[in-house]
Amino acid sequence: METVNRKLIRPSLNEIKEQISPPRRPAVQTQKKPVPPDQTNAENFYYVKQMQAKTPMVFVLRDGETLHGVIEWYDKCCLKVNREGEPNILIYKPAIKYMYKEA
């Protein structure tokens, strides 16, 4: 008998691993909730609504004083209030403790 020089052909270990389990995909990222906006404009909407309706309002200041009047205009830091029988007044927003509609 003649001996034949045979070479064994074996796949590499990496090839076997790839056949057994498919390559892992990076985890699918779920869509994150969008970041809420810095401003909701709810305050501006409220002021515009009260100005258009000329709603009588009561403003309670931090020192306990109450003022009655209608909002004429507003900006980033203050409100102008028209008062009946008294001079109009400019109120800084930080001075307001809370406000509500006059019943």
C-alpha atoms as a PDB file:
ATOM      1  CA  MET A   1       0.000   0.000   0.000  1.00  0.00           C
ATOM      2  CA  GLU A   2       1.076   3.417  -0.841  1.00  0.00           C
ATOM      3  CA  THR A   3       0.903   6.113   1.754  1.00  0.00           C
ATOM      4  CA  VAL A   4      -0.615   9.283   0.593  1.00  0.00           C
ATOM      5  CA  ASN A   5       0.288  12.442   2.319  1.00  0.00           C
ATOM      6  CA  ARG A   6      -3.053  13.874   3.261  1.00  0.00           C
ATOM      7  CA  LYS A   7      -3.535  17.203   4.865  1.00  0.00           C
ATOM      8  CA  LEU A   8      -6.513  17.650   7.147  1.00  0.00           C
ATOM      9  CA  ILE A   9      -8.545  20.698   6.364  1.00  0.00           C
ATOM     10  CA  ARG A  10     -10.333  22.023   9.382  1.00  0.00           C
ATOM     11  CA  PRO A  11     -12.255  25.257   9.607  1.00  0.00           C
ATOM     12  CA  SER A  12     -10.900  27.768  12.045  1.00  0.00           C
ATOM     13  CA  LEU A  13     -12.536  28.122  15.431  1.00  0.00           C
ATOM     14  CA  ASN A  14     -13.928  31.570  14.520  1.00  0.00           C
ATOM     15  CA  GLU A  15     -15.751  30.151  11.501  1.00  0.00           C
ATOM     16  CA  ILE A  16     -17.420  27.505  13.656  1.00  0.00           C
ATOM     17  CA  LYS A  17     -18.558  30.110  16.205  1.00  0.00           C
ATOM     18  CA  GLU A  18     -20.069  32.236  13.437  1.00  0.00           C
ATOM     19  CA  GLN A  19     -22.018  29.261  12.096  1.00  0.00           C
ATOM     20  CA  ILE A  20     -23.341  28.264  15.509  1.00  0.00           C
ATOM     21  CA  SER A  21     -24.503  31.683  16.644  1.00  0.00           C
ATOM     22  CA  PRO A  22     -25.060  34.629  14.323  1.00  0.00           C
ATOM     23  CA  PRO A  23     -23.067  37.740  15.150  1.00  0.00           C
ATOM     24  CA  ARG A  24     -24.713  39.870  17.777  1.00  0.00           C
ATOM     25  CA  ARG A  25     -26.214  43.113  16.654  1.00  0.00           C
ATOM     26  CA  PRO A  26     -26.003  46.143  18.849  1.00  0.00           C
ATOM     27  CA  ALA A  27     -29.100  46.488  20.972  1.00  0.00           C
ATOM     28  CA  VAL A  28     -31.816  48.405  19.192  1.00  0.00           C
ATOM     29  CA  GLN A  29     -32.193  51.693  20.986  1.00  0.00           C
ATOM     30  CA  THR A  30     -35.747  52.533  21.848  1.00  0.00           C
ATOM     31  CA  GLN A  31     -36.723  56.043  21.002  1.00  0.00           C
ATOM     32  CA  LYS A  32     -36.315  58.245  24.030  1.00  0.00           C
ATOM     33  CA  LYS A  33     -38.999  60.703  24.931  1.00  0.00           C
ATOM     34  CA  PRO A  34     -38.226  64.126  23.531  1.00  0.00           C
ATOM     35  CA  VAL A  35     -36.997  66.678  26.016  1.00  0.00           C
ATOM     36  CA  PRO A  36     -39.858  68.950  27.075  1.00  0.00           C
ATOM     37  CA  PRO A  37     -39.586  72.545  25.899  1.00  0.00           C
ATOM     38  CA  ASP A  38     -38.139  75.169  28.222  1.00  0.00           C
ATOM     39  CA  GLN A  39     -41.365  77.134  28.116  1.00  0.00           C
ATOM     40  CA  THR A  40     -44.911  75.870  27.735  1.00  0.00           C
ATOM     41  CA  ASN A  41     -46.341  79.373  27.180  1.00  0.00           C
ATOM     42  CA  ALA A  42     -49.171  78.500  29.605  1.00  0.00           C
ATOM     43  CA  GLU A  43     -48.513  81.660  31.620  1.00  0.00           C
ATOM     44  CA  ASN A  44     -48.655  83.834  28.493  1.00  0.00           C
ATOM     45  CA  PHE A  45     -51.842  82.112  27.342  1.00  0.00           C
ATOM     46  CA  TYR A  46     -53.459  82.755  30.741  1.00  0.00           C
ATOM     47  CA  TYR A  47     -52.543  86.452  30.732  1.00  0.00           C
ATOM     48  CA  VAL A  48     -53.786  86.984  27.166  1.00  0.00           C
ATOM     49  CA  LYS A  49     -57.067  85.231  27.960  1.00  0.00           C
ATOM     50  CA  GLN A  50     -57.649  87.393  31.062  1.00  0.00           C
ATOM     51  CA  MET A  51     -56.671  90.582  29.199  1.00  0.00           C
ATOM     52  CA  GLN A  52     -59.035  89.901  26.280  1.00  0.00           C
ATOM     53  CA  ALA A  53     -61.943  89.094  28.601  1.00  0.00           C
ATOM     54  CA  LYS A  54     -61.041  92.036  30.890  1.00  0.00           C
ATOM     55  CA  THR A  55     -61.486  89.689  33.822  1.00  0.00           C
ATOM     56  CA  PRO A  56     -61.431  91.399  37.240  1.00  0.00           C
ATOM     57  CA  MET A  57     -58.526  89.873  39.169  1.00  0.00           C
ATOM     58  CA  VAL A  58     -57.311  89.869  42.756  1.00  0.00           C
ATOM     59  CA  PHE A  59     -53.537  89.983  43.307  1.00  0.00           C
ATOM     60  CA  VAL A  60     -52.208  88.910  46.687  1.00  0.00           C
ATOM     61  CA  LEU A  61     -48.697  90.209  47.202  1.00  0.00           C
ATOM     62  CA  ARG A  62     -45.950  88.567  49.264  1.00  0.00           C
ATOM     63  CA  ASP A  63     -46.384  91.149  52.025  1.00  0.00           C
ATOM     64  CA  GLY A  64     -50.095  90.252  52.352  1.00  0.00           C
ATOM     65  CA  GLU A  65     -51.489  93.307  50.521  1.00  0.00           C
ATOM     66  CA  THR A  66     -54.326  92.621  48.066  1.00  0.00           C
ATOM     67  CA  LEU A  67     -54.894  94.571  44.874  1.00  0.00           C
ATOM     68  CA  HIS A  68     -57.976  94.482  42.638  1.00  0.00           C
ATOM     69  CA  GLY A  69     -57.920  95.284  38.943  1.00  0.00           C
ATOM     70  CA  VAL A  70     -57.781  94.176  35.318  1.00  0.00           C
ATOM     71  CA  ILE A  71     -54.556  93.161  33.583  1.00  0.00           C
ATOM     72  CA  GLU A  72     -53.809  95.700  30.844  1.00  0.00           C
ATOM     73  CA  TRP A  73     -50.499  94.241  29.642  1.00  0.00           C
ATOM     74  CA  TYR A  74     -47.652  92.063  30.798  1.00  0.00           C
ATOM     75  CA  ASP A  75     -44.050  91.297  29.956  1.00  0.00           C
ATOM     76  CA  LYS A  76     -41.334  88.979  31.206  1.00  0.00           C
ATOM     77  CA  CYS A  77     -41.053  90.548  34.660  1.00  0.00           C
ATOM     78  CA  CYS A  78     -44.178  92.620  35.418  1.00  0.00           C
ATOM     79  CA  LEU A  79     -47.913  93.188  34.985  1.00  0.00           C
ATOM     80  CA  LYS A  80     -49.712  96.494  34.460  1.00  0.00           C
ATOM     81  CA  VAL A  81     -53.005  96.481  36.332  1.00  0.00           C
ATOM     82  CA  ASN A  82     -55.836  98.953  35.721  1.00  0.00           C
ATOM     83  CA  ARG A  83     -57.679  99.709  38.923  1.00  0.00           C
ATOM     84  CA  GLU A  84     -61.046 101.379  39.298  1.00  0.00           C
ATOM     85  CA  GLY A  85     -61.011 104.520  41.428  1.00  0.00           C
ATOM     86  CA  GLU A  86     -57.264 104.185  42.038  1.00  0.00           C
ATOM     87  CA  PRO A  87     -54.208 104.816  39.881  1.00  0.00           C
ATOM     88  CA  ASN A  88     -52.986 102.074  37.573  1.00  0.00           C
ATOM     89  CA  ILE A  89     -50.098 100.091  38.982  1.00  0.00           C
ATOM     90  CA  LEU A  90     -47.117  98.119  37.697  1.00  0.00           C
ATOM     91  CA  ILE A  91     -46.576  94.934  39.717  1.00  0.00           C
ATOM     92  CA  TYR A  92     -43.362  92.947  39.509  1.00  0.00           C
ATOM     93  CA  LYS A  93     -44.120  89.233  39.116  1.00  0.00           C
ATOM     94  CA  PRO A  94     -41.790  88.142  41.946  1.00  0.00           C
ATOM     95  CA  ALA A  95     -43.837  90.355  44.316  1.00  0.00           C
ATOM     96  CA  ILE A  96     -47.032  88.405  43.547  1.00  0.00           C
ATOM     97  CA  LYS A  97     -47.755  85.546  45.929  1.00  0.00           C
ATOM     98  CA  TYR A  98     -50.813  84.381  43.965  1.00  0.00           C
ATOM     99  CA  MET A  99     -53.711  85.751  41.927  1.00  0.00           C
ATOM    100  CA  TYR A 100     -57.241  84.669  41.187  1.00  0.00           C
ATOM    101  CA  LYS A 101     -60.375  85.778  39.389  1.00  0.00           C
ATOM    102  CA  GLU A 102     -62.519  88.120  41.412  1.00  0.00           C
ATOM    103  CA  ALA A 103     -65.885  86.514  42.153  1.00  0.00           C
END
